[in-house]
Amino acid sequence: MKCKENVTPERLKHLKRTIPLNARRELLQDIRFVPEWMHSIFKELAEET
């Protein structure tokens, strides 16, 4: 899937910088609604920097 290829380490760093930690942690509440390949990305974003 094309989307996975666009989620680079640099993109994740950018998202961690721009999205507040509490908002990133809320992603875990919605994890059941996203494709399985995004689960690890959501979990990584929810971690502290």
Protein backbone atom coordinates (compact mmCIF):
# COMPACT_ATOMS: atom_id res chain seq x y z
CA MET A 1 0.00 0.00 0.00
CA LYS A 2 1.38 3.40 -0.99
CA CYS A 3 0.51 5.11 2.32
CA LYS A 4 2.92 2.95 4.35
CA GLU A 5 5.82 4.06 2.22
CA ASN A 6 5.10 7.70 3.06
CA VAL A 7 5.31 7.17 6.81
CA THR A 8 9.02 7.77 7.19
CA PRO A 9 10.95 8.24 10.44
CA GLU A 10 11.20 11.92 9.55
CA ARG A 11 7.42 12.14 9.15
CA LEU A 12 6.91 10.49 12.55
CA LYS A 13 9.34 12.94 14.17
CA HIS A 14 7.45 15.83 12.59
CA LEU A 15 4.12 14.52 13.88
CA LYS A 16 5.54 14.03 17.37
CA ARG A 17 6.78 17.63 17.35
CA THR A 18 3.55 19.16 16.08
CA ILE A 19 0.85 17.07 17.80
CA PRO A 20 0.64 17.49 21.59
CA LEU A 21 1.31 14.34 23.63
CA ASN A 22 -2.22 14.18 25.04
CA ALA A 23 -3.69 14.29 21.52
CA ARG A 24 -1.25 11.60 20.35
CA ARG A 25 -2.27 9.38 23.27
CA GLU A 26 -5.91 9.76 22.24
CA LEU A 27 -5.01 7.98 19.01
CA LEU A 28 -4.89 4.74 20.99
CA GLN A 29 -8.61 5.10 21.70
CA ASP A 30 -9.27 5.08 17.96
CA ILE A 31 -6.81 2.34 17.02
CA ARG A 32 -9.61 -0.15 16.31
CA PHE A 33 -10.86 2.07 13.48
CA VAL A 34 -7.64 2.18 11.46
CA PRO A 35 -6.10 -0.48 9.21
CA GLU A 36 -3.88 -2.97 11.03
CA TRP A 37 -0.71 -1.67 9.37
CA MET A 38 -1.27 1.67 11.13
CA HIS A 39 -1.43 0.19 14.66
CA SER A 40 2.31 0.30 15.22
CA ILE A 41 2.42 3.87 13.93
CA PHE A 42 -0.34 4.97 16.32
CA LYS A 43 1.44 3.24 19.21
CA GLU A 44 4.73 4.89 18.34
CA LEU A 45 3.12 8.31 18.13
CA ALA A 46 1.48 7.80 21.54
CA GLU A 47 4.88 7.27 23.19
CA GLU A 48 6.70 10.16 24.81
CA THR A 49 9.51 11.62 22.73
